[in-house]
Amino acid sequence: MRSQVALFLLHGQVYALAVEEILIILQTPRIFSLPLLPPVVVGVLIHAGEAIPLLKPDWLLAEPVDNHSKFSYVVICSTESGVVGLPVDKVLYIVDRRKGRLEGGQDTTAGDGSGSTFVYDQVRYPLLDIGRNVAELSLWDFQHPPPHGN
């Protein structure tokens, strides 16, 4: 995590993401369902002529949530494995990381995936490591091959 952190709300739960990973935040994009999507993808959206997978909210958050409810925004993130969308109900703040503190992990660009938390104004925001999570998703095709005949 370098200079800024974006803080979000989704289904009453908060989380943080390094601003460096964010390409754009879209308001209420149209989401399309497709057959044979990995279980962690709720659908795809089209942005700049590209189909972008939208990750299921319960995959992102510690507690189960309704994956089919509406959300107000989608945060489009760039990773080494590709571009993905993250559902968001509300963008809370974009803050300089020096105004908060990182707990439970090393101070790296996107967190270290070991339960890092960004603390801001006495609120603990789990720090998402989107690059690591999307890299794990790329293994899905090998672990869950498509049904026969496709």
N, C-alpha and C. Protein backbone atom coordinates (compact mmCIF):
# COMPACT_ATOMS: atom_id res chain seq x y z
N MET A 1 0.85 -1.16 0.00
CA MET A 1 0.00 0.00 0.00
C MET A 1 0.90 1.23 0.00
N ARG A 2 0.75 2.08 -0.96
CA ARG A 2 1.66 3.22 -1.07
C ARG A 2 1.09 4.49 -0.45
N SER A 3 0.26 5.23 -1.18
CA SER A 3 -0.10 6.55 -0.69
C SER A 3 -1.54 6.69 -0.22
N GLN A 4 -2.49 6.05 -0.90
CA GLN A 4 -3.89 6.23 -0.53
C GLN A 4 -4.62 4.90 -0.43
N VAL A 5 -5.68 4.92 0.38
CA VAL A 5 -6.51 3.74 0.60
C VAL A 5 -7.96 4.16 0.38
N ALA A 6 -8.70 3.35 -0.37
CA ALA A 6 -10.14 3.58 -0.56
C ALA A 6 -10.87 2.70 0.45
N LEU A 7 -11.86 3.30 1.12
CA LEU A 7 -12.63 2.59 2.14
C LEU A 7 -14.07 2.47 1.65
N PHE A 8 -14.61 1.24 1.73
CA PHE A 8 -15.91 0.93 1.14
C PHE A 8 -16.84 0.28 2.16
N LEU A 9 -18.14 0.32 1.83
CA LEU A 9 -19.17 -0.35 2.60
C LEU A 9 -19.93 -1.29 1.67
N LEU A 10 -20.13 -2.53 2.12
CA LEU A 10 -20.91 -3.51 1.36
C LEU A 10 -21.71 -4.35 2.35
N HIS A 11 -23.03 -4.28 2.27
CA HIS A 11 -23.92 -5.04 3.15
C HIS A 11 -23.58 -4.84 4.62
N GLY A 12 -23.30 -3.59 5.01
CA GLY A 12 -23.01 -3.28 6.40
C GLY A 12 -21.61 -3.64 6.85
N GLN A 13 -20.79 -4.19 5.94
CA GLN A 13 -19.42 -4.55 6.27
C GLN A 13 -18.48 -3.58 5.53
N VAL A 14 -17.36 -3.27 6.15
CA VAL A 14 -16.40 -2.35 5.57
C VAL A 14 -15.18 -3.11 5.09
N TYR A 15 -14.53 -2.54 4.08
CA TYR A 15 -13.24 -3.07 3.65
C TYR A 15 -12.44 -1.98 2.97
N ALA A 16 -11.15 -2.22 2.82
CA ALA A 16 -10.22 -1.25 2.26
C ALA A 16 -9.50 -1.86 1.06
N LEU A 17 -9.05 -0.96 0.19
CA LEU A 17 -8.33 -1.38 -1.02
C LEU A 17 -7.33 -0.29 -1.38
N ALA A 18 -6.13 -0.69 -1.74
CA ALA A 18 -5.13 0.28 -2.18
C ALA A 18 -5.61 0.97 -3.46
N VAL A 19 -5.56 2.28 -3.49
CA VAL A 19 -6.04 3.05 -4.64
C VAL A 19 -5.29 2.68 -5.91
N GLU A 20 -4.04 2.27 -5.79
CA GLU A 20 -3.24 1.91 -6.95
C GLU A 20 -3.86 0.78 -7.77
N GLU A 21 -4.69 -0.03 -7.14
CA GLU A 21 -5.32 -1.16 -7.83
C GLU A 21 -6.60 -0.77 -8.57
N ILE A 22 -7.13 0.41 -8.28
CA ILE A 22 -8.42 0.83 -8.82
C ILE A 22 -8.25 1.55 -10.16
N LEU A 23 -8.98 1.07 -11.18
CA LEU A 23 -8.99 1.74 -12.47
C LEU A 23 -10.09 2.80 -12.54
N ILE A 24 -11.29 2.42 -12.08
CA ILE A 24 -12.44 3.31 -12.13
C ILE A 24 -13.52 2.77 -11.20
N ILE A 25 -14.39 3.65 -10.75
CA ILE A 25 -15.56 3.25 -9.96
C ILE A 25 -16.78 3.62 -10.78
N LEU A 26 -17.62 2.61 -11.08
CA LEU A 26 -18.81 2.81 -11.89
C LEU A 26 -20.06 2.79 -11.02
N GLN A 27 -21.03 3.65 -11.35
CA GLN A 27 -22.28 3.65 -10.62
C GLN A 27 -23.31 2.80 -11.34
N THR A 28 -23.93 1.87 -10.63
CA THR A 28 -24.98 0.96 -11.09
C THR A 28 -24.81 0.46 -12.53
N PRO A 29 -23.70 -0.24 -12.82
CA PRO A 29 -23.55 -0.80 -14.16
C PRO A 29 -24.50 -1.96 -14.38
N ARG A 30 -24.78 -2.27 -15.62
CA ARG A 30 -25.63 -3.42 -15.95
C ARG A 30 -24.79 -4.69 -15.84
N ILE A 31 -25.31 -5.68 -15.12
CA ILE A 31 -24.61 -6.94 -14.90
C ILE A 31 -25.32 -8.02 -15.71
N PHE A 32 -24.54 -8.84 -16.42
CA PHE A 32 -25.07 -9.92 -17.24
C PHE A 32 -24.69 -11.26 -16.63
N SER A 33 -25.66 -12.16 -16.56
CA SER A 33 -25.39 -13.53 -16.12
C SER A 33 -24.99 -14.36 -17.34
N LEU A 34 -24.05 -15.23 -17.15
CA LEU A 34 -23.58 -16.12 -18.21
C LEU A 34 -23.48 -17.54 -17.66
N PRO A 35 -23.68 -18.54 -18.51
CA PRO A 35 -23.51 -19.92 -18.04
C PRO A 35 -22.04 -20.24 -17.81
N LEU A 36 -21.81 -21.19 -16.93
CA LEU A 36 -20.48 -21.75 -16.66
C LEU A 36 -19.48 -20.77 -16.06
N LEU A 37 -19.98 -19.74 -15.37
CA LEU A 37 -19.07 -18.84 -14.67
C LEU A 37 -18.52 -19.55 -13.44
N PRO A 38 -17.31 -19.22 -13.03
CA PRO A 38 -16.79 -19.79 -11.79
C PRO A 38 -17.72 -19.46 -10.63
N PRO A 39 -17.73 -20.26 -9.59
CA PRO A 39 -18.66 -20.04 -8.48
C PRO A 39 -18.46 -18.72 -7.74
N VAL A 40 -17.32 -18.07 -7.88
CA VAL A 40 -17.08 -16.81 -7.18
C VAL A 40 -17.43 -15.59 -8.03
N VAL A 41 -17.96 -15.82 -9.22
CA VAL A 41 -18.32 -14.72 -10.12
C VAL A 41 -19.84 -14.65 -10.24
N VAL A 42 -20.41 -13.47 -9.93
CA VAL A 42 -21.86 -13.30 -9.98
C VAL A 42 -22.34 -12.98 -11.40
N GLY A 43 -21.48 -12.43 -12.23
CA GLY A 43 -21.83 -12.06 -13.59
C GLY A 43 -20.71 -11.25 -14.21
N VAL A 44 -20.98 -10.66 -15.36
CA VAL A 44 -20.00 -9.81 -16.01
C VAL A 44 -20.64 -8.47 -16.34
N LEU A 45 -19.81 -7.46 -16.47
CA LEU A 45 -20.25 -6.17 -16.94
C LEU A 45 -19.36 -5.78 -18.10
N ILE A 46 -19.86 -4.90 -18.95
CA ILE A 46 -19.09 -4.45 -20.10
C ILE A 46 -18.62 -3.03 -19.82
N HIS A 47 -17.30 -2.82 -19.91
CA HIS A 47 -16.73 -1.48 -19.74
C HIS A 47 -15.60 -1.32 -20.74
N ALA A 48 -15.66 -0.24 -21.49
CA ALA A 48 -14.64 0.06 -22.51
C ALA A 48 -14.47 -1.11 -23.47
N GLY A 49 -15.59 -1.76 -23.81
CA GLY A 49 -15.57 -2.86 -24.77
C GLY A 49 -15.03 -4.17 -24.23
N GLU A 50 -14.83 -4.26 -22.93
CA GLU A 50 -14.25 -5.45 -22.32
C GLU A 50 -15.25 -6.07 -21.34
N ALA A 51 -15.38 -7.39 -21.37
CA ALA A 51 -16.21 -8.11 -20.39
C ALA A 51 -15.39 -8.27 -19.12
N ILE A 52 -15.94 -7.77 -18.01
CA ILE A 52 -15.22 -7.79 -16.74
C ILE A 52 -16.01 -8.64 -15.74
N PRO A 53 -15.37 -9.67 -15.16
CA PRO A 53 -16.08 -10.48 -14.17
C PRO A 53 -16.34 -9.70 -12.89
N LEU A 54 -17.53 -9.87 -12.34
CA LEU A 54 -17.90 -9.24 -11.08
C LEU A 54 -17.88 -10.31 -9.99
N LEU A 55 -17.03 -10.10 -9.01
CA LEU A 55 -16.86 -11.08 -7.95
C LEU A 55 -18.06 -11.06 -7.00
N LYS A 56 -18.44 -12.23 -6.50
CA LYS A 56 -19.55 -12.33 -5.55
C LYS A 56 -19.17 -11.66 -4.24
N PRO A 57 -20.11 -10.92 -3.66
CA PRO A 57 -19.81 -10.23 -2.40
C PRO A 57 -19.37 -11.17 -1.28
N ASP A 58 -19.99 -12.35 -1.16
CA ASP A 58 -19.61 -13.22 -0.04
C ASP A 58 -18.21 -13.78 -0.19
N TRP A 59 -17.66 -13.71 -1.38
CA TRP A 59 -16.28 -14.14 -1.57
C TRP A 59 -15.32 -13.09 -1.01
N LEU A 60 -15.75 -11.83 -1.03
CA LEU A 60 -14.91 -10.74 -0.57
C LEU A 60 -14.94 -10.55 0.94
N LEU A 61 -16.08 -10.80 1.54
CA LEU A 61 -16.28 -10.43 2.92
C LEU A 61 -16.23 -11.62 3.86
N ALA A 62 -15.97 -11.33 5.12
CA ALA A 62 -15.80 -12.38 6.12
C ALA A 62 -17.12 -13.09 6.44
N GLU A 63 -18.23 -12.38 6.34
CA GLU A 63 -19.51 -12.97 6.69
C GLU A 63 -20.37 -13.14 5.45
N PRO A 64 -21.21 -14.19 5.41
CA PRO A 64 -22.05 -14.43 4.24
C PRO A 64 -23.02 -13.28 3.99
N VAL A 65 -23.24 -12.98 2.71
CA VAL A 65 -24.19 -11.94 2.31
C VAL A 65 -24.99 -12.46 1.13
N ASP A 66 -26.03 -11.73 0.77
CA ASP A 66 -26.86 -12.08 -0.38
C ASP A 66 -26.14 -11.67 -1.65
N ASN A 67 -25.76 -12.64 -2.47
CA ASN A 67 -25.01 -12.35 -3.70
C ASN A 67 -25.88 -11.75 -4.79
N HIS A 68 -27.19 -11.82 -4.66
CA HIS A 68 -28.06 -11.37 -5.74
C HIS A 68 -28.72 -10.03 -5.46
N SER A 69 -28.40 -9.42 -4.32
CA SER A 69 -28.98 -8.11 -4.04
C SER A 69 -28.29 -7.05 -4.89
N LYS A 70 -28.93 -5.92 -5.04
CA LYS A 70 -28.38 -4.82 -5.84
C LYS A 70 -27.34 -4.07 -5.03
N PHE A 71 -26.36 -3.54 -5.71
CA PHE A 71 -25.37 -2.68 -5.08
C PHE A 71 -25.24 -1.44 -5.94
N SER A 72 -24.75 -0.37 -5.35
CA SER A 72 -24.75 0.93 -6.02
C SER A 72 -23.56 1.16 -6.94
N TYR A 73 -22.44 0.54 -6.64
CA TYR A 73 -21.22 0.81 -7.40
C TYR A 73 -20.46 -0.49 -7.68
N VAL A 74 -19.60 -0.42 -8.68
CA VAL A 74 -18.64 -1.49 -8.93
C VAL A 74 -17.27 -0.83 -9.05
N VAL A 75 -16.33 -1.34 -8.27
CA VAL A 75 -14.95 -0.87 -8.32
C VAL A 75 -14.21 -1.77 -9.30
N ILE A 76 -13.72 -1.19 -10.39
CA ILE A 76 -12.97 -1.97 -11.39
C ILE A 76 -11.49 -1.92 -10.99
N CYS A 77 -10.91 -3.11 -10.81
CA CYS A 77 -9.52 -3.22 -10.35
C CYS A 77 -8.66 -3.93 -11.38
N SER A 78 -7.43 -3.51 -11.46
CA SER A 78 -6.46 -4.14 -12.34
C SER A 78 -5.53 -5.01 -11.50
N THR A 79 -5.33 -6.24 -11.99
CA THR A 79 -4.39 -7.15 -11.33
C THR A 79 -3.48 -7.75 -12.40
N GLU A 80 -2.44 -8.42 -11.98
CA GLU A 80 -1.57 -9.09 -12.94
C GLU A 80 -2.30 -10.18 -13.71
N SER A 81 -3.35 -10.75 -13.09
CA SER A 81 -4.12 -11.82 -13.73
C SER A 81 -5.27 -11.31 -14.58
N GLY A 82 -5.57 -10.02 -14.52
CA GLY A 82 -6.66 -9.46 -15.30
C GLY A 82 -7.45 -8.43 -14.53
N VAL A 83 -8.50 -7.94 -15.16
CA VAL A 83 -9.35 -6.91 -14.57
C VAL A 83 -10.58 -7.56 -13.98
N VAL A 84 -11.00 -7.11 -12.78
CA VAL A 84 -12.19 -7.64 -12.11
C VAL A 84 -12.99 -6.48 -11.52
N GLY A 85 -14.27 -6.77 -11.26
CA GLY A 85 -15.13 -5.80 -10.60
C GLY A 85 -15.47 -6.25 -9.20
N LEU A 86 -15.52 -5.29 -8.29
CA LEU A 86 -15.89 -5.56 -6.90
C LEU A 86 -17.17 -4.80 -6.59
N PRO A 87 -18.19 -5.45 -6.04
CA PRO A 87 -19.44 -4.75 -5.70
C PRO A 87 -19.25 -3.86 -4.47
N VAL A 88 -19.93 -2.71 -4.49
CA VAL A 88 -19.83 -1.74 -3.40
C VAL A 88 -21.19 -1.08 -3.20
N ASP A 89 -21.60 -0.93 -1.94
CA ASP A 89 -22.80 -0.16 -1.65
C ASP A 89 -22.49 1.33 -1.56
N LYS A 90 -21.32 1.63 -0.98
CA LYS A 90 -20.98 3.03 -0.76
C LYS A 90 -19.46 3.19 -0.71
N VAL A 91 -18.97 4.25 -1.34
CA VAL A 91 -17.57 4.64 -1.21
C VAL A 91 -17.52 5.58 -0.01
N LEU A 92 -16.84 5.17 1.04
CA LEU A 92 -16.82 5.96 2.27
C LEU A 92 -15.80 7.08 2.22
N TYR A 93 -14.53 6.71 2.02
CA TYR A 93 -13.46 7.69 2.01
C TYR A 93 -12.34 7.21 1.10
N ILE A 94 -11.57 8.15 0.63
CA ILE A 94 -10.26 7.86 0.06
C ILE A 94 -9.30 8.68 0.90
N VAL A 95 -8.42 7.98 1.63
CA VAL A 95 -7.58 8.65 2.61
C VAL A 95 -6.12 8.36 2.36
N ASP A 96 -5.29 9.28 2.80
CA ASP A 96 -3.86 9.08 2.80
C ASP A 96 -3.55 8.02 3.84
N ARG A 97 -2.75 7.03 3.47
CA ARG A 97 -2.48 5.92 4.39
C ARG A 97 -1.82 6.37 5.69
N ARG A 98 -1.16 7.51 5.68
CA ARG A 98 -0.52 8.01 6.89
C ARG A 98 -1.53 8.49 7.93
N LYS A 99 -2.79 8.66 7.52
CA LYS A 99 -3.83 9.08 8.46
C LYS A 99 -4.44 7.89 9.20
N GLY A 100 -3.97 6.70 8.85
CA GLY A 100 -4.42 5.49 9.52
C GLY A 100 -3.20 4.64 9.81
N ARG A 101 -3.44 3.37 10.12
CA ARG A 101 -2.31 2.47 10.36
C ARG A 101 -2.66 1.08 9.85
N LEU A 102 -1.65 0.35 9.46
CA LEU A 102 -1.80 -1.02 8.98
C LEU A 102 -1.48 -1.97 10.12
N GLU A 103 -2.38 -2.95 10.33
CA GLU A 103 -2.16 -3.95 11.37
C GLU A 103 -2.19 -5.34 10.76
N GLY A 104 -1.40 -6.23 11.31
CA GLY A 104 -1.50 -7.64 10.96
C GLY A 104 -0.82 -8.04 9.68
N GLY A 105 0.04 -7.22 9.12
CA GLY A 105 0.72 -7.61 7.89
C GLY A 105 1.79 -6.61 7.54
N GLN A 106 2.50 -6.93 6.49
CA GLN A 106 3.54 -6.04 6.01
C GLN A 106 2.92 -4.91 5.23
N ASP A 107 3.60 -3.78 5.18
CA ASP A 107 3.12 -2.62 4.43
C ASP A 107 3.54 -2.77 2.98
N THR A 108 2.73 -3.49 2.19
CA THR A 108 3.01 -3.71 0.79
C THR A 108 1.96 -3.01 -0.05
N THR A 109 2.11 -3.03 -1.36
CA THR A 109 1.19 -2.30 -2.24
C THR A 109 -0.25 -2.72 -2.05
N ALA A 110 -0.54 -3.99 -1.93
CA ALA A 110 -1.93 -4.43 -1.85
C ALA A 110 -2.21 -5.26 -0.61
N GLY A 111 -1.45 -5.09 0.44
CA GLY A 111 -1.62 -5.96 1.59
C GLY A 111 -0.90 -7.26 1.31
N ASP A 112 -0.79 -8.10 2.31
CA ASP A 112 -0.03 -9.33 2.07
C ASP A 112 -0.89 -10.57 2.12
N GLY A 113 -2.21 -10.39 2.22
CA GLY A 113 -3.08 -11.55 2.19
C GLY A 113 -3.13 -12.30 3.51
N SER A 114 -2.49 -11.79 4.55
CA SER A 114 -2.48 -12.51 5.82
C SER A 114 -3.37 -11.84 6.85
N GLY A 115 -4.47 -11.29 6.42
CA GLY A 115 -5.38 -10.67 7.36
C GLY A 115 -5.02 -9.25 7.71
N SER A 116 -4.37 -8.54 6.83
CA SER A 116 -4.04 -7.15 7.09
C SER A 116 -5.30 -6.32 7.26
N THR A 117 -5.21 -5.35 8.15
CA THR A 117 -6.32 -4.45 8.43
C THR A 117 -5.80 -3.03 8.41
N PHE A 118 -6.55 -2.14 7.77
CA PHE A 118 -6.24 -0.72 7.80
C PHE A 118 -7.16 -0.07 8.82
N VAL A 119 -6.59 0.59 9.81
CA VAL A 119 -7.38 1.24 10.86
C VAL A 119 -7.40 2.73 10.57
N TYR A 120 -8.63 3.26 10.45
CA TYR A 120 -8.81 4.69 10.18
C TYR A 120 -9.94 5.20 11.06
N ASP A 121 -9.69 6.26 11.78
CA ASP A 121 -10.70 6.89 12.63
C ASP A 121 -11.34 5.85 13.56
N GLN A 122 -10.51 4.98 14.12
CA GLN A 122 -10.88 3.93 15.08
C GLN A 122 -11.77 2.83 14.48
N VAL A 123 -11.87 2.75 13.17
CA VAL A 123 -12.62 1.68 12.50
C VAL A 123 -11.62 0.78 11.79
N ARG A 124 -11.82 -0.54 11.91
CA ARG A 124 -10.93 -1.53 11.29
C ARG A 124 -11.50 -1.95 9.94
N TYR A 125 -10.75 -1.73 8.87
CA TYR A 125 -11.15 -2.08 7.51
C TYR A 125 -10.26 -3.22 7.02
N PRO A 126 -10.81 -4.44 6.83
CA PRO A 126 -9.99 -5.51 6.24
C PRO A 126 -9.42 -5.04 4.90
N LEU A 127 -8.14 -5.24 4.72
CA LEU A 127 -7.46 -4.79 3.50
C LEU A 127 -7.46 -5.93 2.49
N LEU A 128 -8.16 -5.74 1.38
CA LEU A 128 -8.25 -6.77 0.35
C LEU A 128 -6.96 -6.84 -0.46
N ASP A 129 -6.53 -8.03 -0.74
CA ASP A 129 -5.39 -8.27 -1.63
C ASP A 129 -5.97 -8.84 -2.92
N ILE A 130 -6.46 -7.97 -3.78
CA ILE A 130 -7.16 -8.38 -5.00
C ILE A 130 -6.24 -9.17 -5.92
N GLY A 131 -5.00 -8.76 -6.05
CA GLY A 131 -4.07 -9.48 -6.92
C GLY A 131 -3.93 -10.93 -6.52
N ARG A 132 -3.74 -11.19 -5.24
CA ARG A 132 -3.59 -12.56 -4.74
C ARG A 132 -4.90 -13.33 -4.93
N ASN A 133 -6.02 -12.69 -4.61
CA ASN A 133 -7.31 -13.37 -4.72
C ASN A 133 -7.64 -13.73 -6.16
N VAL A 134 -7.39 -12.85 -7.09
CA VAL A 134 -7.67 -13.12 -8.50
C VAL A 134 -6.72 -14.18 -9.03
N ALA A 135 -5.48 -14.19 -8.57
CA ALA A 135 -4.54 -15.24 -8.97
C ALA A 135 -5.06 -16.61 -8.53
N GLU A 136 -5.66 -16.68 -7.34
CA GLU A 136 -6.25 -17.92 -6.87
C GLU A 136 -7.44 -18.32 -7.75
N LEU A 137 -8.21 -17.33 -8.20
CA LEU A 137 -9.34 -17.60 -9.07
C LEU A 137 -8.91 -18.22 -10.38
N SER A 138 -7.75 -17.82 -10.89
CA SER A 138 -7.30 -18.32 -12.18
C SER A 138 -7.09 -19.83 -12.14
N LEU A 139 -6.95 -20.40 -10.96
CA LEU A 139 -6.80 -21.84 -10.83
C LEU A 139 -8.13 -22.57 -10.95
N TRP A 140 -9.25 -21.84 -10.89
CA TRP A 140 -10.57 -22.45 -10.88
C TRP A 140 -10.78 -23.37 -12.08
N ASP A 141 -10.39 -22.96 -13.27
CA ASP A 141 -10.62 -23.76 -14.47
C ASP A 141 -9.95 -25.13 -14.38
N PHE A 142 -8.82 -25.19 -13.71
CA PHE A 142 -8.10 -26.44 -13.60
C PHE A 142 -8.68 -27.33 -12.52
N GLN A 143 -9.23 -26.72 -11.48
CA GLN A 143 -9.81 -27.48 -10.38
C GLN A 143 -11.24 -27.90 -10.66
N HIS A 144 -11.95 -27.15 -11.52
CA HIS A 144 -13.35 -27.40 -11.83
C HIS A 144 -13.54 -27.33 -13.34
N PRO A 145 -13.19 -28.39 -14.06
CA PRO A 145 -13.35 -28.33 -15.53
C PRO A 145 -14.80 -28.19 -15.92
N PRO A 146 -15.09 -27.62 -17.12
CA PRO A 146 -16.47 -27.47 -17.56
C PRO A 146 -17.11 -28.83 -17.78
N PRO A 147 -18.45 -28.86 -17.76
CA PRO A 147 -19.14 -30.15 -18.00
C PRO A 147 -18.82 -30.69 -19.39
N HIS A 148 -18.97 -32.00 -19.55
CA HIS A 148 -18.72 -32.62 -20.86
C HIS A 148 -19.66 -32.07 -21.90
N GLY A 149 -19.19 -31.97 -23.12
CA GLY A 149 -20.02 -31.51 -24.24
C GLY A 149 -19.94 -30.02 -24.47
N ASN A 150 -19.11 -29.30 -23.69
CA ASN A 150 -18.97 -27.84 -23.88
C ASN A 150 -17.59 -27.51 -24.37
